[in-house]
Every structure is written in C-alpha cells, then in structure tokens.
C-alpha cells in the first residue's frame, strides 16, 4: 500500500528533525573535541562528530530527494 501525502510529509519532517538533531550534536562534539578535550578523547569525539554530521547529511539528502521526486512525478 502506497503512503498518502500526509504520511509522506510527516516522514519527511521526521527525517529533517532527526537530521537537525544529529547535526547539532555533531557540531557540539566537534567543538568540544577541538577546543576542550585532550588526547584520545578528543580524537574520538571528532571521529564521532564526523560520523554524526555525515549521517545528518544523508538524512537530509533522502528527504530532499523524496521531495524532488514527489513534485516532479505529479501530473
């Protein structure tokens, strides 16, 4: 069964919300890792921050792609 327009919009908003949360968490970890933390903890925080930022980008990409394809598939 195909999802309806309100279901697609809700899924898109949910993906963008999670992308924003991941981006903020990644930026905070990156800032802490580059300024406050020392040694192995700093490198670990920076690595986790990069993974979070990439995951955020991936979620945004999926949400944007679905929006683009939805708009262009309609008559």
N, C-alpha and C. Protein backbone atom coordinates (compact mmCIF):
# COMPACT_ATOMS: atom_id res chain seq x y z
N UNK A 1 0.84 -1.18 0.00
CA UNK A 1 0.00 0.00 0.00
C UNK A 1 0.89 1.24 0.00
N UNK A 2 0.64 2.15 -0.88
CA UNK A 2 1.44 3.37 -1.01
C UNK A 2 1.06 4.36 0.09
N UNK A 3 2.05 5.06 0.62
CA UNK A 3 1.72 6.05 1.66
C UNK A 3 1.01 7.26 1.06
N UNK A 4 0.16 7.87 1.86
CA UNK A 4 -0.57 9.04 1.40
C UNK A 4 0.29 10.28 1.54
N UNK A 5 -0.19 11.39 1.00
CA UNK A 5 0.57 12.64 1.06
C UNK A 5 0.86 13.09 2.49
N UNK A 6 -0.12 13.06 3.40
CA UNK A 6 0.19 13.46 4.78
C UNK A 6 1.22 12.55 5.45
N UNK A 7 1.18 11.25 5.13
CA UNK A 7 2.16 10.33 5.70
C UNK A 7 3.56 10.63 5.16
N UNK A 8 3.65 10.94 3.87
CA UNK A 8 4.95 11.30 3.29
C UNK A 8 5.49 12.59 3.89
N UNK A 9 4.61 13.56 4.06
CA UNK A 9 5.03 14.83 4.65
C UNK A 9 5.50 14.63 6.08
N UNK A 10 4.80 13.80 6.83
CA UNK A 10 5.20 13.55 8.22
C UNK A 10 6.55 12.82 8.27
N UNK A 11 6.76 11.88 7.39
CA UNK A 11 8.04 11.16 7.34
C UNK A 11 9.16 12.11 6.95
N UNK A 12 8.90 13.00 6.01
CA UNK A 12 9.89 13.98 5.58
C UNK A 12 10.27 14.91 6.74
N UNK A 13 9.25 15.41 7.45
CA UNK A 13 9.52 16.29 8.60
C UNK A 13 10.29 15.56 9.68
N UNK A 14 9.94 14.29 9.92
CA UNK A 14 10.64 13.50 10.94
C UNK A 14 12.10 13.29 10.55
N UNK A 15 12.36 13.02 9.28
CA UNK A 15 13.75 12.86 8.83
C UNK A 15 14.54 14.15 8.96
N UNK A 16 13.91 15.26 8.61
CA UNK A 16 14.60 16.54 8.73
C UNK A 16 14.83 16.93 10.18
N UNK A 17 13.89 16.58 11.07
CA UNK A 17 14.09 16.83 12.50
C UNK A 17 15.28 16.03 13.03
N UNK A 18 15.34 14.74 12.69
CA UNK A 18 16.46 13.92 13.13
C UNK A 18 17.78 14.40 12.52
N UNK A 19 17.74 14.84 11.28
CA UNK A 19 18.95 15.37 10.66
C UNK A 19 19.44 16.61 11.41
N UNK A 20 18.52 17.46 11.81
CA UNK A 20 18.90 18.65 12.58
C UNK A 20 19.47 18.30 13.94
N UNK A 21 18.86 17.34 14.61
CA UNK A 21 19.36 16.91 15.92
C UNK A 21 20.75 16.32 15.79
N UNK A 22 20.95 15.47 14.78
CA UNK A 22 22.28 14.88 14.57
C UNK A 22 23.31 15.94 14.22
N UNK A 23 22.92 16.93 13.44
CA UNK A 23 23.85 17.99 13.06
C UNK A 23 24.27 18.82 14.28
N UNK A 24 23.32 19.16 15.12
CA UNK A 24 23.65 19.95 16.32
C UNK A 24 24.55 19.14 17.25
N UNK A 25 24.21 17.87 17.45
CA UNK A 25 25.05 17.01 18.31
C UNK A 25 26.45 16.88 17.73
N UNK A 26 26.54 16.71 16.42
CA UNK A 26 27.84 16.60 15.78
C UNK A 26 28.65 17.86 15.91
N UNK A 27 28.03 19.01 15.73
CA UNK A 27 28.74 20.28 15.86
C UNK A 27 29.22 20.53 17.29
N UNK A 28 28.38 20.17 18.27
CA UNK A 28 28.78 20.32 19.67
C UNK A 28 29.97 19.42 19.98
N UNK A 29 29.89 18.17 19.56
CA UNK A 29 31.01 17.26 19.80
C UNK A 29 32.27 17.72 19.08
N UNK A 30 32.13 18.24 17.89
CA UNK A 30 33.27 18.74 17.15
C UNK A 30 33.91 19.92 17.87
N UNK A 31 33.10 20.84 18.36
CA UNK A 31 33.61 22.00 19.09
C UNK A 31 34.31 21.58 20.37
N UNK A 32 33.72 20.66 21.11
CA UNK A 32 34.34 20.18 22.35
C UNK A 32 35.61 19.42 22.05
N UNK A 33 35.58 18.59 21.02
CA UNK A 33 36.75 17.80 20.67
C UNK A 33 37.92 18.65 20.21
N UNK A 34 37.63 19.75 19.54
CA UNK A 34 38.70 20.59 19.03
C UNK A 34 39.19 21.63 20.04
N UNK A 35 38.38 21.96 21.05
CA UNK A 35 38.78 23.02 21.97
C UNK A 35 39.10 22.53 23.38
N UNK A 36 38.29 21.68 23.95
CA UNK A 36 38.41 21.33 25.36
C UNK A 36 39.11 20.00 25.58
N UNK A 37 38.70 18.98 24.87
CA UNK A 37 39.22 17.63 25.11
C UNK A 37 40.68 17.50 24.70
N UNK A 38 41.35 16.55 25.34
CA UNK A 38 42.76 16.30 25.03
C UNK A 38 42.99 14.82 24.77
N UNK A 39 44.01 14.53 23.99
CA UNK A 39 44.44 13.15 23.77
C UNK A 39 43.45 12.33 22.97
N UNK A 40 43.31 11.08 23.41
CA UNK A 40 42.47 10.13 22.69
C UNK A 40 41.00 10.54 22.72
N UNK A 41 40.55 11.14 23.82
CA UNK A 41 39.15 11.55 23.92
C UNK A 41 38.81 12.58 22.84
N UNK A 42 39.74 13.47 22.57
CA UNK A 42 39.50 14.49 21.55
C UNK A 42 39.34 13.86 20.17
N UNK A 43 40.23 12.93 19.84
CA UNK A 43 40.14 12.28 18.53
C UNK A 43 38.88 11.44 18.42
N UNK A 44 38.50 10.79 19.51
CA UNK A 44 37.28 10.00 19.49
C UNK A 44 36.06 10.89 19.30
N UNK A 45 36.02 12.02 19.99
CA UNK A 45 34.90 12.94 19.84
C UNK A 45 34.82 13.51 18.42
N UNK A 46 35.97 13.84 17.86
CA UNK A 46 35.98 14.37 16.50
C UNK A 46 35.51 13.31 15.51
N UNK A 47 35.93 12.08 15.70
CA UNK A 47 35.50 11.00 14.80
C UNK A 47 34.00 10.76 14.90
N UNK A 48 33.47 10.75 16.12
CA UNK A 48 32.02 10.57 16.30
C UNK A 48 31.27 11.75 15.71
N UNK A 49 31.81 12.96 15.87
CA UNK A 49 31.17 14.15 15.31
C UNK A 49 31.09 14.06 13.80
N UNK A 50 32.15 13.61 13.17
CA UNK A 50 32.15 13.47 11.71
C UNK A 50 31.12 12.45 11.27
N UNK A 51 31.01 11.35 11.97
CA UNK A 51 30.01 10.32 11.64
C UNK A 51 28.60 10.90 11.79
N UNK A 52 28.35 11.66 12.87
CA UNK A 52 27.04 12.26 13.07
C UNK A 52 26.70 13.27 11.97
N UNK A 53 27.69 14.07 11.59
CA UNK A 53 27.45 15.05 10.54
C UNK A 53 27.18 14.38 9.19
N UNK A 54 27.88 13.30 8.90
CA UNK A 54 27.63 12.56 7.66
C UNK A 54 26.24 11.91 7.67
N UNK A 55 25.84 11.37 8.83
CA UNK A 55 24.51 10.78 8.95
C UNK A 55 23.44 11.85 8.76
N UNK A 56 23.68 13.03 9.32
CA UNK A 56 22.74 14.14 9.15
C UNK A 56 22.62 14.52 7.68
N UNK A 57 23.74 14.61 7.00
CA UNK A 57 23.72 14.93 5.57
C UNK A 57 22.95 13.86 4.79
N UNK A 58 23.16 12.60 5.14
CA UNK A 58 22.46 11.51 4.46
C UNK A 58 20.95 11.60 4.64
N UNK A 59 20.50 11.89 5.85
CA UNK A 59 19.07 12.02 6.09
C UNK A 59 18.48 13.22 5.33
N UNK A 60 19.22 14.32 5.29
CA UNK A 60 18.74 15.48 4.54
C UNK A 60 18.66 15.16 3.05
N UNK A 61 19.63 14.43 2.55
CA UNK A 61 19.65 14.06 1.14
C UNK A 61 18.43 13.21 0.79
N UNK A 62 18.12 12.24 1.64
CA UNK A 62 16.97 11.37 1.39
C UNK A 62 15.68 12.18 1.42
N UNK A 63 15.54 13.06 2.40
CA UNK A 63 14.32 13.87 2.50
C UNK A 63 14.18 14.79 1.29
N UNK A 64 15.28 15.41 0.86
CA UNK A 64 15.21 16.30 -0.30
C UNK A 64 14.93 15.53 -1.58
N UNK A 65 15.53 14.36 -1.72
CA UNK A 65 15.31 13.55 -2.92
C UNK A 65 13.85 13.14 -3.03
N UNK A 66 13.25 12.72 -1.92
CA UNK A 66 11.84 12.33 -1.95
C UNK A 66 10.96 13.52 -2.29
N UNK A 67 11.29 14.70 -1.77
CA UNK A 67 10.52 15.90 -2.08
C UNK A 67 10.62 16.22 -3.56
N UNK A 68 11.82 16.16 -4.10
CA UNK A 68 12.04 16.47 -5.51
C UNK A 68 11.28 15.50 -6.41
N UNK A 69 11.38 14.20 -6.11
CA UNK A 69 10.72 13.21 -6.96
C UNK A 69 9.21 13.28 -6.81
N UNK A 70 8.72 13.58 -5.61
CA UNK A 70 7.28 13.69 -5.43
C UNK A 70 6.71 14.83 -6.25
N UNK A 71 7.40 15.97 -6.28
CA UNK A 71 6.90 17.13 -7.00
C UNK A 71 6.91 16.90 -8.52
N UNK A 72 7.91 16.19 -9.02
CA UNK A 72 8.04 16.02 -10.46
C UNK A 72 7.28 14.82 -11.01
N UNK A 73 6.81 13.94 -10.15
CA UNK A 73 6.04 12.78 -10.61
C UNK A 73 4.56 13.10 -10.74
N UNK A 74 4.14 14.18 -10.11
CA UNK A 74 2.72 14.53 -10.18
C UNK A 74 2.38 15.14 -11.53
N UNK A 75 1.17 14.90 -12.02
CA UNK A 75 0.77 15.46 -13.32
C UNK A 75 0.51 16.95 -13.24
